[in-house]
C-alpha atoms as a PDB file:
ATOM      1  CA  MET A   1       0.050  -0.007  -0.010  1.00  0.00           C
ATOM      2  CA  SER A   2       1.418   3.428  -0.782  1.00  0.00           C
ATOM      3  CA  PRO A   3       1.623   6.004   1.836  1.00  0.00           C
ATOM      4  CA  ALA A   4      -0.941   8.153   0.001  1.00  0.00           C
ATOM      5  CA  ALA A   5      -3.468   5.297   0.153  1.00  0.00           C
ATOM      6  CA  ALA A   6      -2.769   4.641   3.729  1.00  0.00           C
ATOM      7  CA  ALA A   7      -5.701   5.400   6.326  1.00  0.00           C
ATOM      8  CA  PRO A   8      -4.997   8.676   8.073  1.00  0.00           C
ATOM      9  CA  GLU A   9      -3.455   8.417  11.457  1.00  0.00           C
ATOM     10  CA  PRO A  10      -5.537   8.839  14.578  1.00  0.00           C
ATOM     11  CA  GLY A  11      -5.243  12.040  16.488  1.00  0.00           C
ATOM     12  CA  GLU A  12      -3.304  12.277  19.680  1.00  0.00           C
ATOM     13  CA  LEU A  13      -6.037  12.354  21.778  1.00  0.00           C
ATOM     14  CA  ALA A  14      -7.375   9.157  19.983  1.00  0.00           C
ATOM     15  CA  THR A  15      -4.144   7.336  20.605  1.00  0.00           C
ATOM     16  CA  LEU A  16      -4.019   8.375  24.328  1.00  0.00           C
ATOM     17  CA  ARG A  17      -7.471   6.983  24.793  1.00  0.00           C
ATOM     18  CA  ARG A  18      -6.653   3.967  23.044  1.00  0.00           C
ATOM     19  CA  TRP A  19      -3.894   3.132  25.415  1.00  0.00           C
ATOM     20  CA  LEU A  20      -5.911   3.844  28.351  1.00  0.00           C
ATOM     21  CA  ALA A  21      -8.621   1.631  27.113  1.00  0.00           C
ATOM     22  CA  ASP A  22      -6.210  -1.081  26.774  1.00  0.00           C
ATOM     23  CA  PHE A  23      -4.678  -0.620  30.235  1.00  0.00           C
ATOM     24  CA  ARG A  24      -8.094  -0.693  31.627  1.00  0.00           C
ATOM     25  CA  ALA A  25      -9.063  -3.837  29.905  1.00  0.00           C
ATOM     26  CA  ALA A  26      -5.848  -5.381  31.117  1.00  0.00           C
ATOM     27  CA  VAL A  27      -6.871  -4.695  34.782  1.00  0.00           C
ATOM     28  CA  GLU A  28     -10.050  -6.570  34.014  1.00  0.00           C
ATOM     29  CA  ARG A  29      -7.989  -9.401  32.281  1.00  0.00           C
ATOM     30  CA  LYS A  30      -5.628  -9.617  35.273  1.00  0.00           C
ATOM     31  CA  THR A  31      -8.352  -9.750  38.062  1.00  0.00           C
ATOM     32  CA  ALA A  32     -10.944 -12.047  36.095  1.00  0.00           C
ATOM     33  CA  GLY A  33     -11.700 -15.180  37.915  1.00  0.00           C
ATOM     34  CA  LEU A  34     -10.663 -14.482  41.324  1.00  0.00           C
ATOM     35  CA  ASP A  35     -12.667 -14.610  44.465  1.00  0.00           C
ATOM     36  CA  PRO A  36     -12.513 -12.025  47.240  1.00  0.00           C
ATOM     37  CA  GLU A  37      -9.890 -13.757  49.195  1.00  0.00           C
ATOM     38  CA  GLN A  38      -7.673 -13.945  46.160  1.00  0.00           C
ATOM     39  CA  LEU A  39      -8.281 -10.338  45.003  1.00  0.00           C
ATOM     40  CA  ALA A  40      -7.248  -9.012  48.707  1.00  0.00           C
ATOM     41  CA  ARG A  41      -4.425 -11.290  49.216  1.00  0.00           C
ATOM     42  CA  ARG A  42      -1.068  -9.702  49.657  1.00  0.00           C
ATOM     43  CA  SER A  43       0.750 -12.382  47.381  1.00  0.00           C
ATOM     44  CA  VAL A  44       4.196 -10.863  47.230  1.00  0.00           C
ATOM     45  CA  PRO A  45       5.685 -10.109  50.496  1.00  0.00           C
ATOM     46  CA  PRO A  46       6.717  -7.886  52.055  1.00  0.00           C
ATOM     47  CA  SER A  47       4.672  -5.664  49.878  1.00  0.00           C
ATOM     48  CA  ARG A  48       1.232  -4.849  51.117  1.00  0.00           C
ATOM     49  CA  LEU A  49      -0.054  -4.529  47.591  1.00  0.00           C
ATOM     50  CA  SER A  50      -3.058  -6.595  46.432  1.00  0.00           C
ATOM     51  CA  LEU A  51      -4.871  -6.868  43.154  1.00  0.00           C
ATOM     52  CA  LEU A  52      -7.961  -5.287  45.037  1.00  0.00           C
ATOM     53  CA  GLY A  53      -5.767  -2.719  46.622  1.00  0.00           C
ATOM     54  CA  LEU A  54      -4.664  -1.978  43.118  1.00  0.00           C
ATOM     55  CA  VAL A  55      -8.193  -1.526  41.710  1.00  0.00           C
ATOM     56  CA  ARG A  56      -9.136   0.780  44.499  1.00  0.00           C
ATOM     57  CA  HIS A  57      -6.040   2.810  43.704  1.00  0.00           C
ATOM     58  CA  LEU A  58      -6.792   3.084  40.047  1.00  0.00           C
ATOM     59  CA  ALA A  59     -10.241   4.192  40.968  1.00  0.00           C
ATOM     60  CA  GLN A  60      -8.604   7.074  43.134  1.00  0.00           C
ATOM     61  CA  LEU A  61      -6.160   7.851  40.437  1.00  0.00           C
ATOM     62  CA  GLU A  62      -8.998   8.318  37.614  1.00  0.00           C
ATOM     63  CA  HIS A  63     -11.102  10.446  39.948  1.00  0.00           C
ATOM     64  CA  HIS A  64      -8.219  12.493  41.082  1.00  0.00           C
ATOM     65  CA  TRP A  65      -6.812  13.213  37.652  1.00  0.00           C
ATOM     66  CA  PHE A  66      -9.818  13.308  35.404  1.00  0.00           C
ATOM     67  CA  ARG A  67     -12.382  14.707  37.769  1.00  0.00           C
ATOM     68  CA  ARG A  68     -10.551  16.513  40.694  1.00  0.00           C
ATOM     69  CA  VAL A  69      -7.917  18.250  38.371  1.00  0.00           C
ATOM     70  CA  LEU A  70      -9.299  18.375  34.714  1.00  0.00           C
ATOM     71  CA  GLN A  71     -12.716  19.157  35.499  1.00  0.00           C
ATOM     72  CA  GLN A  72     -11.851  21.417  38.484  1.00  0.00           C
ATOM     73  CA  HIS A  73     -13.409  19.839  41.492  1.00  0.00           C
ATOM     74  CA  PRO A  74     -10.567  19.668  43.970  1.00  0.00           C
ATOM     75  CA  GLU A  75     -13.307  19.786  46.830  1.00  0.00           C
ATOM     76  CA  GLU A  76     -14.196  16.246  46.180  1.00  0.00           C
ATOM     77  CA  THR A  77     -13.062  13.841  48.615  1.00  0.00           C
ATOM     78  CA  GLN A  78     -10.103  11.466  47.276  1.00  0.00           C
ATOM     79  CA  LEU A  79     -11.810   8.023  46.801  1.00  0.00           C
ATOM     80  CA  PHE A  80     -10.666   5.285  49.227  1.00  0.00           C
ATOM     81  CA  VAL A  81      -8.290   7.627  51.203  1.00  0.00           C
ATOM     82  CA  VAL A  82      -9.586   7.823  54.697  1.00  0.00           C
ATOM     83  CA  ASP A  83      -8.397  10.732  56.784  1.00  0.00           C
ATOM     84  CA  GLY A  84      -5.583  11.753  54.561  1.00  0.00           C
ATOM     85  CA  ASP A  85      -4.081   8.187  54.895  1.00  0.00           C
ATOM     86  CA  TRP A  86      -3.107   6.971  51.313  1.00  0.00           C
ATOM     87  CA  GLU A  87      -2.210   3.635  52.572  1.00  0.00           C
ATOM     88  CA  SER A  88      -6.129   3.103  53.164  1.00  0.00           C
ATOM     89  CA  GLN A  89      -6.471   2.341  49.626  1.00  0.00           C
ATOM     90  CA  PHE A  90      -4.719  -0.577  50.259  1.00  0.00           C
ATOM     91  CA  ASP A  91      -5.248  -1.441  53.764  1.00  0.00           C
ATOM     92  CA  GLY A  92      -9.148  -1.324  53.023  1.00  0.00           C
ATOM     93  CA  ALA A  93      -8.855  -3.845  50.403  1.00  0.00           C
ATOM     94  CA  VAL A  94     -10.231  -6.688  52.539  1.00  0.00           C
ATOM     95  CA  ALA A  95     -11.593 -10.049  51.333  1.00  0.00           C
ATOM     96  CA  ASP A  96     -15.180  -9.229  51.769  1.00  0.00           C
ATOM     97  CA  PRO A  97     -17.599  -9.390  48.674  1.00  0.00           C
ATOM     98  CA  ALA A  98     -19.217  -5.873  49.229  1.00  0.00           C
ATOM     99  CA  VAL A  99     -15.600  -4.397  49.388  1.00  0.00           C
ATOM    100  CA  VAL A 100     -14.717  -6.125  45.995  1.00  0.00           C
ATOM    101  CA  ALA A 101     -18.110  -5.070  44.412  1.00  0.00           C
ATOM    102  CA  GLU A 102     -17.618  -1.490  45.553  1.00  0.00           C
ATOM    103  CA  ALA A 103     -14.091  -1.299  44.360  1.00  0.00           C
ATOM    104  CA  PHE A 104     -14.832  -2.505  40.941  1.00  0.00           C
ATOM    105  CA  ALA A 105     -17.982  -0.614  40.794  1.00  0.00           C
ATOM    106  CA  THR A 106     -16.393   2.564  41.740  1.00  0.00           C
ATOM    107  CA  TRP A 107     -13.341   1.949  39.386  1.00  0.00           C
ATOM    108  CA  ARG A 108     -15.598   1.333  36.523  1.00  0.00           C
ATOM    109  CA  ASP A 109     -17.776   4.355  37.216  1.00  0.00           C
ATOM    110  CA  THR A 110     -14.815   6.817  37.484  1.00  0.00           C
ATOM    111  CA  CYS A 111     -13.546   5.265  34.172  1.00  0.00           C
ATOM    112  CA  ALA A 112     -16.816   5.889  32.508  1.00  0.00           C
ATOM    113  CA  GLN A 113     -17.047   9.575  33.830  1.00  0.00           C
ATOM    114  CA  ALA A 114     -13.608  10.212  32.532  1.00  0.00           C
ATOM    115  CA  ASP A 115     -14.553   8.877  29.193  1.00  0.00           C
ATOM    116  CA  ALA A 116     -17.806  10.897  29.047  1.00  0.00           C
ATOM    117  CA  TRP A 117     -15.716  14.143  29.818  1.00  0.00           C
ATOM    118  CA  LEU A 118     -13.090  13.065  27.285  1.00  0.00           C
ATOM    119  CA  ASP A 119     -15.565  12.594  24.536  1.00  0.00           C
ATOM    120  CA  GLY A 120     -16.005  16.210  24.247  1.00  0.00           C
ATOM    121  CA  LEU A 121     -12.549  16.999  24.301  1.00  0.00           C
ATOM    122  CA  PRO A 122     -10.893  18.157  20.987  1.00  0.00           C
ATOM    123  CA  ASP A 123      -7.267  17.276  20.182  1.00  0.00           C
ATOM    124  CA  GLU A 124      -5.950  20.649  20.360  1.00  0.00           C
ATOM    125  CA  ALA A 125      -7.128  20.771  24.264  1.00  0.00           C
ATOM    126  CA  LEU A 126      -4.330  18.372  25.146  1.00  0.00           C
ATOM    127  CA  ALA A 127      -1.910  21.382  25.143  1.00  0.00           C
ATOM    128  CA  PHE A 128      -4.090  23.354  27.413  1.00  0.00           C
ATOM    129  CA  VAL A 129      -1.882  24.656  30.355  1.00  0.00           C
ATOM    130  CA  LEU A 130      -3.560  23.917  33.678  1.00  0.00           C
ATOM    131  CA  ASP A 131      -0.563  25.247  35.934  1.00  0.00           C
ATOM    132  CA  PRO A 132       2.621  26.320  34.230  1.00  0.00           C
ATOM    133  CA  GLU A 133       4.254  26.146  37.673  1.00  0.00           C
ATOM    134  CA  ASP A 134       3.328  22.343  37.970  1.00  0.00           C
ATOM    135  CA  ARG A 135       5.541  19.521  36.491  1.00  0.00           C
ATOM    136  CA  ILE A 136       2.197  18.161  35.255  1.00  0.00           C
ATOM    137  CA  SER A 137       1.045  21.297  33.678  1.00  0.00           C
ATOM    138  CA  SER A 138      -1.277  20.436  30.594  1.00  0.00           C
ATOM    139  CA  ILE A 139      -3.894  18.018  29.935  1.00  0.00           C
ATOM    140  CA  ARG A 140      -1.329  16.186  27.869  1.00  0.00           C
ATOM    141  CA  ASP A 141       0.784  15.711  30.863  1.00  0.00           C
ATOM    142  CA  VAL A 142      -2.280  14.296  32.838  1.00  0.00           C
ATOM    143  CA  PHE A 143      -2.699  11.640  30.438  1.00  0.00           C
ATOM    144  CA  VAL A 144       0.949  10.987  30.279  1.00  0.00           C
ATOM    145  CA  GLN A 145       0.782  10.655  34.162  1.00  0.00           C
ATOM    146  CA  VAL A 146      -2.178   8.405  34.188  1.00  0.00           C
ATOM    147  CA  LEU A 147      -0.873   6.101  31.617  1.00  0.00           C
ATOM    148  CA  GLN A 148       2.235   5.618  33.581  1.00  0.00           C
ATOM    149  CA  GLU A 149       0.459   4.717  36.652  1.00  0.00           C
ATOM    150  CA  TYR A 150      -1.430   2.114  34.855  1.00  0.00           C
ATOM    151  CA  ALA A 151       1.599   0.740  33.078  1.00  0.00           C
ATOM    152  CA  ARG A 152       3.478   0.722  36.576  1.00  0.00           C
ATOM    153  CA  HIS A 153       0.545  -1.047  38.306  1.00  0.00           C
ATOM    154  CA  LEU A 154      -0.193  -3.652  35.638  1.00  0.00           C
ATOM    155  CA  GLY A 155       3.463  -4.752  36.101  1.00  0.00           C
ATOM    156  CA  HIS A 156       2.541  -5.080  39.695  1.00  0.00           C
ATOM    157  CA  ALA A 157      -0.699  -6.871  38.973  1.00  0.00           C
ATOM    158  CA  ASP A 158       1.323  -9.446  37.037  1.00  0.00           C
ATOM    159  CA  LEU A 159       3.422 -10.432  39.763  1.00  0.00           C
ATOM    160  CA  LEU A 160       0.475 -10.551  42.305  1.00  0.00           C
ATOM    161  CA  ARG A 161      -1.555 -12.595  39.991  1.00  0.00           C
ATOM    162  CA  GLU A 162       1.206 -15.089  39.079  1.00  0.00           C
ATOM    163  CA  ALA A 163       1.994 -15.659  43.092  1.00  0.00           C
ATOM    164  CA  ILE A 164      -1.854 -16.325  43.568  1.00  0.00           C
ATOM    165  CA  ASP A 165      -2.674 -18.976  40.632  1.00  0.00           C
ATOM    166  CA  GLY A 166       0.305 -19.131  38.441  1.00  0.00           C
ATOM    167  CA  GLN A 167      -1.331 -17.131  35.614  1.00  0.00           C
ATOM    168  CA  THR A 168       1.175 -14.810  33.868  1.00  0.00           C
ATOM    169  CA  GLY A 169       0.897 -11.351  32.031  1.00  0.00           C
ATOM    170  CA  GLU A 170       0.386 -10.799  28.320  1.00  0.00           C
END
């Protein structure tokens, strides 16, 4: 196929959203088929991480960046952070079916809310400067931060899952 006949490249926003969707789908795959005890298990000591804790953290991450920062609602409480204790995202991830259901419902809901907001965002908005004094100063920077967090935590999820039932990552 000649370069002139090739399909047009997707825009930057579409590319970033595709990566985010892929990372979210990987979370679903890496947690699929596990019961509450397995999801809450801290399977790689001495780490206190669990798959369930990661799901709670990713819900908090999406809510913080897409809702509190980009949609400018900083007054909203951080999800799964109790009294400013960041470790509560992980410590509160216990083997209770209600806790598991809440974590996944909250994470999926925050993802859907982010997607709904992103649906109205034009490509050129990625360069919009939020705070020139901050390391994460633009909407593009927020996306890169979120993608970096997902990538890092999916590596953790691979190790946790393999220690639980031998299933390895992609």
